[in-house]
Amino acid sequence: MIKADCRYNGIVAPGSQLYETQTGTLGYQVMIDCSEGSTSFVIWLTDKNRNRAKKYFEILGVDPDKLKDPGYIEYQLGLDIEGQEISFGTKDEEFNGRHSVRVIWIGKKSDPNLSRSAARFFGAPINNDDYPGEELAF
């Protein structure tokens, strides 16, 4: 069972598709499977969320130019992202007195070996261009 306030690794499952709320807000529902269960994440397709949506589709390995083609979105997009390995985070959400666990972000699959990731971080060359305006403390 998927729990709130946790981070998981999973894969994009079959069935991802366009989604529209009762108020007409458009989104793309990404179906997700992990060892703890199944869930989904909606990438909202609104002006306010445009940059975040582009980032999420990039994480899923989608060529941004293909997203300009309605045929691609309708018929091919779900197939192209199926099987992508991702990480995702959850939180508890209440709506009309009912609690549910909602996926609040997706990202590239995290390395299950955290110590290797940390060692890689400390072994990487330091580039001040990555941190503009920040002085290194040594």
N, C-alpha and C. Protein backbone atom coordinates (compact mmCIF):
# COMPACT_ATOMS: atom_id res chain seq x y z
N MET A 1 0.84 -1.19 0.00
CA MET A 1 0.00 0.00 0.00
C MET A 1 0.88 1.25 0.00
N ILE A 2 0.58 2.17 -0.88
CA ILE A 2 1.34 3.41 -0.98
C ILE A 2 0.94 4.33 0.17
N LYS A 3 1.93 4.86 0.86
CA LYS A 3 1.70 5.69 2.05
C LYS A 3 2.03 7.15 1.75
N ALA A 4 1.47 8.03 2.57
CA ALA A 4 1.72 9.47 2.44
C ALA A 4 3.11 9.83 2.95
N ASP A 5 3.62 10.93 2.45
CA ASP A 5 4.91 11.50 2.88
C ASP A 5 6.06 10.53 2.69
N CYS A 6 6.03 9.82 1.56
CA CYS A 6 7.10 8.87 1.24
C CYS A 6 7.61 9.13 -0.18
N ARG A 7 8.77 8.59 -0.42
CA ARG A 7 9.39 8.63 -1.74
C ARG A 7 9.49 7.20 -2.25
N TYR A 8 9.13 7.00 -3.52
CA TYR A 8 9.12 5.66 -4.10
C TYR A 8 9.83 5.67 -5.45
N ASN A 9 10.31 4.50 -5.86
CA ASN A 9 10.74 4.26 -7.23
C ASN A 9 9.67 3.41 -7.88
N GLY A 10 9.35 3.71 -9.13
CA GLY A 10 8.33 2.96 -9.84
C GLY A 10 8.54 3.04 -11.33
N ILE A 11 7.57 2.51 -12.07
CA ILE A 11 7.62 2.61 -13.54
C ILE A 11 6.28 3.14 -14.04
N VAL A 12 6.34 3.78 -15.20
CA VAL A 12 5.11 4.26 -15.82
C VAL A 12 4.38 3.04 -16.37
N ALA A 13 3.13 2.89 -15.95
CA ALA A 13 2.31 1.74 -16.31
C ALA A 13 1.50 2.04 -17.58
N PRO A 14 0.92 1.02 -18.18
CA PRO A 14 0.05 1.23 -19.33
C PRO A 14 -1.18 2.07 -18.94
N GLY A 15 -1.72 2.79 -19.89
CA GLY A 15 -2.98 3.50 -19.67
C GLY A 15 -2.87 4.99 -19.44
N SER A 16 -1.68 5.58 -19.51
CA SER A 16 -1.56 7.03 -19.35
C SER A 16 -2.30 7.72 -20.48
N GLN A 17 -3.01 8.83 -20.15
CA GLN A 17 -3.82 9.49 -21.17
C GLN A 17 -4.22 10.90 -20.75
N LEU A 18 -4.78 11.65 -21.71
CA LEU A 18 -5.31 12.98 -21.41
C LEU A 18 -6.45 12.85 -20.41
N TYR A 19 -6.59 13.90 -19.60
CA TYR A 19 -7.54 13.90 -18.51
C TYR A 19 -8.15 15.30 -18.45
N GLU A 20 -9.46 15.38 -18.21
CA GLU A 20 -10.11 16.69 -18.09
C GLU A 20 -10.98 16.68 -16.84
N THR A 21 -10.85 17.74 -16.03
CA THR A 21 -11.67 17.85 -14.82
C THR A 21 -13.08 18.29 -15.20
N GLN A 22 -13.97 18.24 -14.24
CA GLN A 22 -15.35 18.69 -14.48
C GLN A 22 -15.41 20.17 -14.82
N THR A 23 -14.39 20.92 -14.40
CA THR A 23 -14.37 22.36 -14.70
C THR A 23 -13.64 22.66 -16.01
N GLY A 24 -13.16 21.61 -16.70
CA GLY A 24 -12.53 21.81 -17.99
C GLY A 24 -11.02 21.96 -17.98
N THR A 25 -10.38 21.79 -16.82
CA THR A 25 -8.93 21.88 -16.76
C THR A 25 -8.33 20.61 -17.37
N LEU A 26 -7.39 20.82 -18.28
CA LEU A 26 -6.77 19.71 -19.00
C LEU A 26 -5.51 19.24 -18.28
N GLY A 27 -5.32 17.94 -18.27
CA GLY A 27 -4.12 17.35 -17.68
C GLY A 27 -3.77 16.07 -18.42
N TYR A 28 -2.58 15.56 -18.13
CA TYR A 28 -2.17 14.28 -18.68
C TYR A 28 -1.93 13.36 -17.49
N GLN A 29 -2.73 12.30 -17.37
CA GLN A 29 -2.64 11.39 -16.25
C GLN A 29 -1.61 10.30 -16.54
N VAL A 30 -0.58 10.26 -15.72
CA VAL A 30 0.50 9.28 -15.85
C VAL A 30 0.23 8.15 -14.84
N MET A 31 0.03 6.95 -15.35
CA MET A 31 -0.23 5.79 -14.49
C MET A 31 1.11 5.26 -13.98
N ILE A 32 1.17 4.91 -12.69
CA ILE A 32 2.43 4.50 -12.05
C ILE A 32 2.23 3.20 -11.27
N ASP A 33 3.17 2.27 -11.44
CA ASP A 33 3.22 1.05 -10.65
C ASP A 33 4.51 1.02 -9.85
N CYS A 34 4.42 0.54 -8.61
CA CYS A 34 5.62 0.29 -7.81
C CYS A 34 5.34 -0.93 -6.95
N SER A 35 6.33 -1.40 -6.23
CA SER A 35 6.16 -2.62 -5.45
C SER A 35 5.10 -2.47 -4.36
N GLU A 36 4.79 -1.23 -3.96
CA GLU A 36 3.79 -0.99 -2.91
C GLU A 36 2.38 -0.82 -3.46
N GLY A 37 2.22 -0.75 -4.80
CA GLY A 37 0.88 -0.60 -5.37
C GLY A 37 0.88 0.24 -6.63
N SER A 38 -0.31 0.67 -7.03
CA SER A 38 -0.48 1.49 -8.24
C SER A 38 -1.08 2.84 -7.86
N THR A 39 -0.74 3.85 -8.63
CA THR A 39 -1.25 5.19 -8.40
C THR A 39 -1.16 5.95 -9.72
N SER A 40 -1.39 7.25 -9.67
CA SER A 40 -1.23 8.07 -10.87
C SER A 40 -0.81 9.47 -10.48
N PHE A 41 -0.34 10.20 -11.48
CA PHE A 41 0.09 11.59 -11.30
C PHE A 41 -0.43 12.37 -12.49
N VAL A 42 -1.06 13.52 -12.22
CA VAL A 42 -1.58 14.34 -13.31
C VAL A 42 -0.62 15.50 -13.58
N ILE A 43 -0.18 15.60 -14.82
CA ILE A 43 0.60 16.76 -15.27
C ILE A 43 -0.42 17.76 -15.80
N TRP A 44 -0.64 18.83 -15.07
CA TRP A 44 -1.66 19.81 -15.45
C TRP A 44 -1.17 20.64 -16.63
N LEU A 45 -2.02 20.77 -17.63
CA LEU A 45 -1.69 21.51 -18.85
C LEU A 45 -2.38 22.86 -18.81
N THR A 46 -1.83 23.74 -17.94
CA THR A 46 -2.35 25.10 -17.78
C THR A 46 -1.22 26.09 -18.04
N ASP A 47 -1.58 27.33 -18.34
CA ASP A 47 -0.56 28.35 -18.56
C ASP A 47 0.35 28.49 -17.34
N LYS A 48 -0.24 28.48 -16.15
CA LYS A 48 0.53 28.64 -14.92
C LYS A 48 1.52 27.48 -14.72
N ASN A 49 1.16 26.30 -15.20
CA ASN A 49 1.97 25.10 -14.98
C ASN A 49 2.81 24.71 -16.20
N ARG A 50 2.85 25.56 -17.22
CA ARG A 50 3.51 25.22 -18.50
C ARG A 50 4.96 24.76 -18.33
N ASN A 51 5.77 25.51 -17.61
CA ASN A 51 7.19 25.14 -17.47
C ASN A 51 7.36 23.85 -16.69
N ARG A 52 6.56 23.67 -15.64
CA ARG A 52 6.63 22.45 -14.86
C ARG A 52 6.19 21.25 -15.72
N ALA A 53 5.15 21.43 -16.54
CA ALA A 53 4.68 20.35 -17.42
C ALA A 53 5.79 19.95 -18.39
N LYS A 54 6.46 20.94 -18.97
CA LYS A 54 7.57 20.64 -19.89
C LYS A 54 8.64 19.83 -19.18
N LYS A 55 8.95 20.21 -17.94
CA LYS A 55 9.97 19.50 -17.16
C LYS A 55 9.54 18.06 -16.89
N TYR A 56 8.27 17.86 -16.52
CA TYR A 56 7.80 16.51 -16.25
C TYR A 56 7.86 15.63 -17.50
N PHE A 57 7.47 16.17 -18.66
CA PHE A 57 7.55 15.36 -19.88
C PHE A 57 9.00 15.08 -20.25
N GLU A 58 9.89 16.01 -19.96
CA GLU A 58 11.33 15.79 -20.20
C GLU A 58 11.83 14.64 -19.31
N ILE A 59 11.41 14.63 -18.04
CA ILE A 59 11.77 13.55 -17.12
C ILE A 59 11.31 12.21 -17.67
N LEU A 60 10.15 12.22 -18.34
CA LEU A 60 9.59 10.99 -18.91
C LEU A 60 10.22 10.62 -20.25
N GLY A 61 11.19 11.43 -20.71
CA GLY A 61 11.91 11.13 -21.94
C GLY A 61 11.20 11.52 -23.22
N VAL A 62 10.27 12.48 -23.14
CA VAL A 62 9.50 12.89 -24.30
C VAL A 62 10.17 14.06 -25.02
N ASP A 63 10.30 13.95 -26.34
CA ASP A 63 10.82 15.03 -27.17
C ASP A 63 9.78 16.16 -27.17
N PRO A 64 10.15 17.37 -26.71
CA PRO A 64 9.18 18.47 -26.62
C PRO A 64 8.51 18.81 -27.95
N ASP A 65 9.22 18.63 -29.06
CA ASP A 65 8.62 18.94 -30.36
C ASP A 65 7.45 18.01 -30.68
N LYS A 66 7.50 16.78 -30.20
CA LYS A 66 6.41 15.83 -30.46
C LYS A 66 5.12 16.25 -29.76
N LEU A 67 5.25 17.00 -28.66
CA LEU A 67 4.07 17.42 -27.90
C LEU A 67 3.22 18.45 -28.65
N LYS A 68 3.73 18.97 -29.77
CA LYS A 68 2.97 19.92 -30.58
C LYS A 68 2.00 19.21 -31.53
N ASP A 69 2.09 17.88 -31.59
CA ASP A 69 1.28 17.08 -32.52
C ASP A 69 0.13 16.41 -31.76
N PRO A 70 -1.13 16.81 -32.04
CA PRO A 70 -2.26 16.21 -31.32
C PRO A 70 -2.36 14.69 -31.53
N GLY A 71 -2.00 14.22 -32.71
CA GLY A 71 -2.03 12.78 -32.98
C GLY A 71 -1.04 12.04 -32.10
N TYR A 72 0.15 12.61 -31.92
CA TYR A 72 1.15 12.00 -31.05
C TYR A 72 0.62 11.90 -29.62
N ILE A 73 0.05 13.01 -29.13
CA ILE A 73 -0.45 13.03 -27.75
C ILE A 73 -1.55 11.99 -27.57
N GLU A 74 -2.45 11.88 -28.55
CA GLU A 74 -3.57 10.97 -28.42
C GLU A 74 -3.18 9.50 -28.58
N TYR A 75 -2.32 9.20 -29.54
CA TYR A 75 -2.07 7.80 -29.89
C TYR A 75 -0.72 7.23 -29.47
N GLN A 76 0.32 8.06 -29.32
CA GLN A 76 1.66 7.53 -29.12
C GLN A 76 2.29 7.88 -27.78
N LEU A 77 1.94 9.01 -27.20
CA LEU A 77 2.60 9.49 -25.99
C LEU A 77 2.57 8.45 -24.87
N GLY A 78 1.40 7.88 -24.60
CA GLY A 78 1.28 6.90 -23.53
C GLY A 78 2.17 5.69 -23.75
N LEU A 79 2.29 5.27 -25.02
CA LEU A 79 3.15 4.13 -25.35
C LEU A 79 4.62 4.47 -25.16
N ASP A 80 5.00 5.72 -25.51
CA ASP A 80 6.40 6.13 -25.41
C ASP A 80 6.88 6.23 -23.96
N ILE A 81 6.00 6.63 -23.05
CA ILE A 81 6.43 6.79 -21.66
C ILE A 81 6.27 5.51 -20.84
N GLU A 82 5.51 4.56 -21.36
CA GLU A 82 5.29 3.30 -20.64
C GLU A 82 6.64 2.61 -20.39
N GLY A 83 6.84 2.18 -19.16
CA GLY A 83 8.07 1.48 -18.80
C GLY A 83 9.18 2.39 -18.30
N GLN A 84 9.00 3.72 -18.40
CA GLN A 84 10.03 4.64 -17.89
C GLN A 84 10.15 4.47 -16.38
N GLU A 85 11.38 4.40 -15.89
CA GLU A 85 11.61 4.32 -14.45
C GLU A 85 11.63 5.72 -13.87
N ILE A 86 10.89 5.92 -12.79
CA ILE A 86 10.80 7.23 -12.17
C ILE A 86 10.84 7.09 -10.65
N SER A 87 11.04 8.21 -9.99
CA SER A 87 10.83 8.34 -8.55
C SER A 87 9.63 9.25 -8.38
N PHE A 88 8.93 9.09 -7.26
CA PHE A 88 7.80 9.99 -7.00
C PHE A 88 7.60 10.15 -5.51
N GLY A 89 6.98 11.26 -5.15
CA GLY A 89 6.72 11.57 -3.75
C GLY A 89 5.23 11.70 -3.52
N THR A 90 4.81 11.40 -2.29
CA THR A 90 3.39 11.41 -1.95
C THR A 90 3.10 12.31 -0.76
N LYS A 91 1.81 12.64 -0.61
CA LYS A 91 1.37 13.35 0.59
C LYS A 91 -0.10 13.02 0.82
N ASP A 92 -0.54 13.22 2.05
CA ASP A 92 -1.93 13.01 2.41
C ASP A 92 -2.73 14.23 1.99
N GLU A 93 -3.87 14.00 1.38
CA GLU A 93 -4.72 15.10 0.94
C GLU A 93 -6.14 14.85 1.43
N GLU A 94 -6.80 15.92 1.88
CA GLU A 94 -8.19 15.81 2.31
C GLU A 94 -9.08 16.61 1.37
N PHE A 95 -10.18 15.99 0.92
CA PHE A 95 -11.14 16.66 0.06
C PHE A 95 -12.53 16.21 0.48
N ASN A 96 -13.37 17.17 0.85
CA ASN A 96 -14.73 16.86 1.33
C ASN A 96 -14.72 15.83 2.46
N GLY A 97 -13.77 15.98 3.38
CA GLY A 97 -13.71 15.10 4.54
C GLY A 97 -13.11 13.72 4.28
N ARG A 98 -12.69 13.45 3.04
CA ARG A 98 -12.10 12.15 2.72
C ARG A 98 -10.60 12.31 2.51
N HIS A 99 -9.83 11.42 3.10
CA HIS A 99 -8.38 11.44 2.96
C HIS A 99 -7.95 10.50 1.84
N SER A 100 -6.93 10.92 1.11
CA SER A 100 -6.33 10.05 0.10
C SER A 100 -4.85 10.39 0.00
N VAL A 101 -4.09 9.47 -0.56
CA VAL A 101 -2.66 9.68 -0.78
C VAL A 101 -2.50 10.12 -2.23
N ARG A 102 -1.86 11.26 -2.41
CA ARG A 102 -1.69 11.82 -3.75
C ARG A 102 -0.22 11.93 -4.10
N VAL A 103 0.11 11.64 -5.36
CA VAL A 103 1.47 11.84 -5.86
C VAL A 103 1.63 13.34 -6.12
N ILE A 104 2.65 13.95 -5.53
CA ILE A 104 2.83 15.40 -5.67
C ILE A 104 3.98 15.78 -6.58
N TRP A 105 4.85 14.84 -6.93
CA TRP A 105 5.94 15.12 -7.87
C TRP A 105 6.44 13.82 -8.46
N ILE A 106 7.04 13.94 -9.64
CA ILE A 106 7.77 12.82 -10.25
C ILE A 106 9.15 13.33 -10.64
N GLY A 107 10.10 12.43 -10.69
CA GLY A 107 11.46 12.79 -11.08
C GLY A 107 12.18 11.59 -11.66
N LYS A 108 13.39 11.82 -12.10
CA LYS A 108 14.21 10.70 -12.59
C LYS A 108 14.37 9.70 -11.46
N LYS A 109 14.47 8.43 -11.82
CA LYS A 109 14.61 7.38 -10.81
C LYS A 109 15.83 7.67 -9.95
N SER A 110 15.64 7.62 -8.65
CA SER A 110 16.76 7.86 -7.75
C SER A 110 17.59 6.61 -7.61
N ASP A 111 18.85 6.80 -7.30
CA ASP A 111 19.77 5.69 -7.13
C ASP A 111 19.47 5.01 -5.79
N PRO A 112 19.16 3.71 -5.81
CA PRO A 112 18.87 3.03 -4.54
C PRO A 112 20.08 2.97 -3.61
N ASN A 113 21.28 3.18 -4.16
CA ASN A 113 22.49 3.15 -3.36
C ASN A 113 22.85 4.60 -3.01
N LEU A 114 22.29 5.09 -1.91
CA LEU A 114 22.49 6.49 -1.54
C LEU A 114 23.94 6.81 -1.23
N SER A 115 24.67 5.87 -0.64
CA SER A 115 26.08 6.16 -0.33
C SER A 115 26.89 6.35 -1.61
N ARG A 116 26.56 5.59 -2.67
CA ARG A 116 27.26 5.76 -3.95
C ARG A 116 26.92 7.14 -4.54
N SER A 117 25.65 7.54 -4.43
CA SER A 117 25.27 8.85 -4.93
C SER A 117 26.00 9.96 -4.19
N ALA A 118 26.10 9.82 -2.87
CA ALA A 118 26.80 10.83 -2.07
C ALA A 118 28.27 10.88 -2.43
N ALA A 119 28.89 9.73 -2.61
CA ALA A 119 30.31 9.69 -2.97
C ALA A 119 30.52 10.32 -4.35
N ARG A 120 29.59 10.06 -5.27
CA ARG A 120 29.69 10.65 -6.60
C ARG A 120 29.57 12.18 -6.50
N PHE A 121 28.67 12.65 -5.62
CA PHE A 121 28.51 14.09 -5.40
C PHE A 121 29.82 14.70 -4.91
N PHE A 122 30.45 14.09 -3.93
CA PHE A 122 31.67 14.66 -3.38
C PHE A 122 32.86 14.47 -4.29
N GLY A 123 32.81 13.50 -5.19
CA GLY A 123 33.90 13.27 -6.12
C GLY A 123 33.81 14.11 -7.38
N ALA A 124 32.67 14.75 -7.59
CA ALA A 124 32.47 15.54 -8.81
C ALA A 124 33.28 16.83 -8.72
N PRO A 125 33.82 17.30 -9.85
CA PRO A 125 34.55 18.56 -9.83
C PRO A 125 33.61 19.72 -9.48
N ILE A 126 34.12 20.67 -8.73
CA ILE A 126 33.33 21.83 -8.32
C ILE A 126 33.32 22.85 -9.45
N ASN A 127 32.13 23.32 -9.78
CA ASN A 127 31.97 24.32 -10.83
C ASN A 127 31.18 25.49 -10.26
N ASN A 128 31.84 26.63 -10.07
CA ASN A 128 31.16 27.79 -9.50
C ASN A 128 30.00 28.26 -10.37
N ASP A 129 30.01 27.93 -11.67
CA ASP A 129 28.92 28.35 -12.55
C ASP A 129 27.59 27.69 -12.14
N ASP A 130 27.67 26.56 -11.44
CA ASP A 130 26.46 25.88 -11.00
C ASP A 130 25.76 26.63 -9.87
N TYR A 131 26.49 27.48 -9.18
CA TYR A 131 25.96 28.19 -8.01
C TYR A 131 26.26 29.68 -8.13
N PRO A 132 25.62 30.37 -9.08
CA PRO A 132 25.92 31.80 -9.26
C PRO A 132 25.57 32.60 -8.01
N GLY A 133 26.46 33.48 -7.63
CA GLY A 133 26.24 34.34 -6.50
C GLY A 133 26.56 33.71 -5.17
N GLU A 134 26.92 32.46 -5.14
CA GLU A 134 27.26 31.80 -3.88
C GLU A 134 28.78 31.64 -3.80
N GLU A 135 29.31 32.04 -2.68
CA GLU A 135 30.74 31.87 -2.44
C GLU A 135 30.96 30.50 -1.82
N LEU A 136 32.00 29.82 -2.22
CA LEU A 136 32.33 28.55 -1.62
C LEU A 136 32.98 28.82 -0.26
N ALA A 137 32.60 28.03 0.73
CA ALA A 137 33.02 28.29 2.11
C ALA A 137 34.33 27.58 2.45
N PHE A 138 35.41 27.89 1.75
CA PHE A 138 36.74 27.38 2.15
C PHE A 138 37.81 28.21 1.55
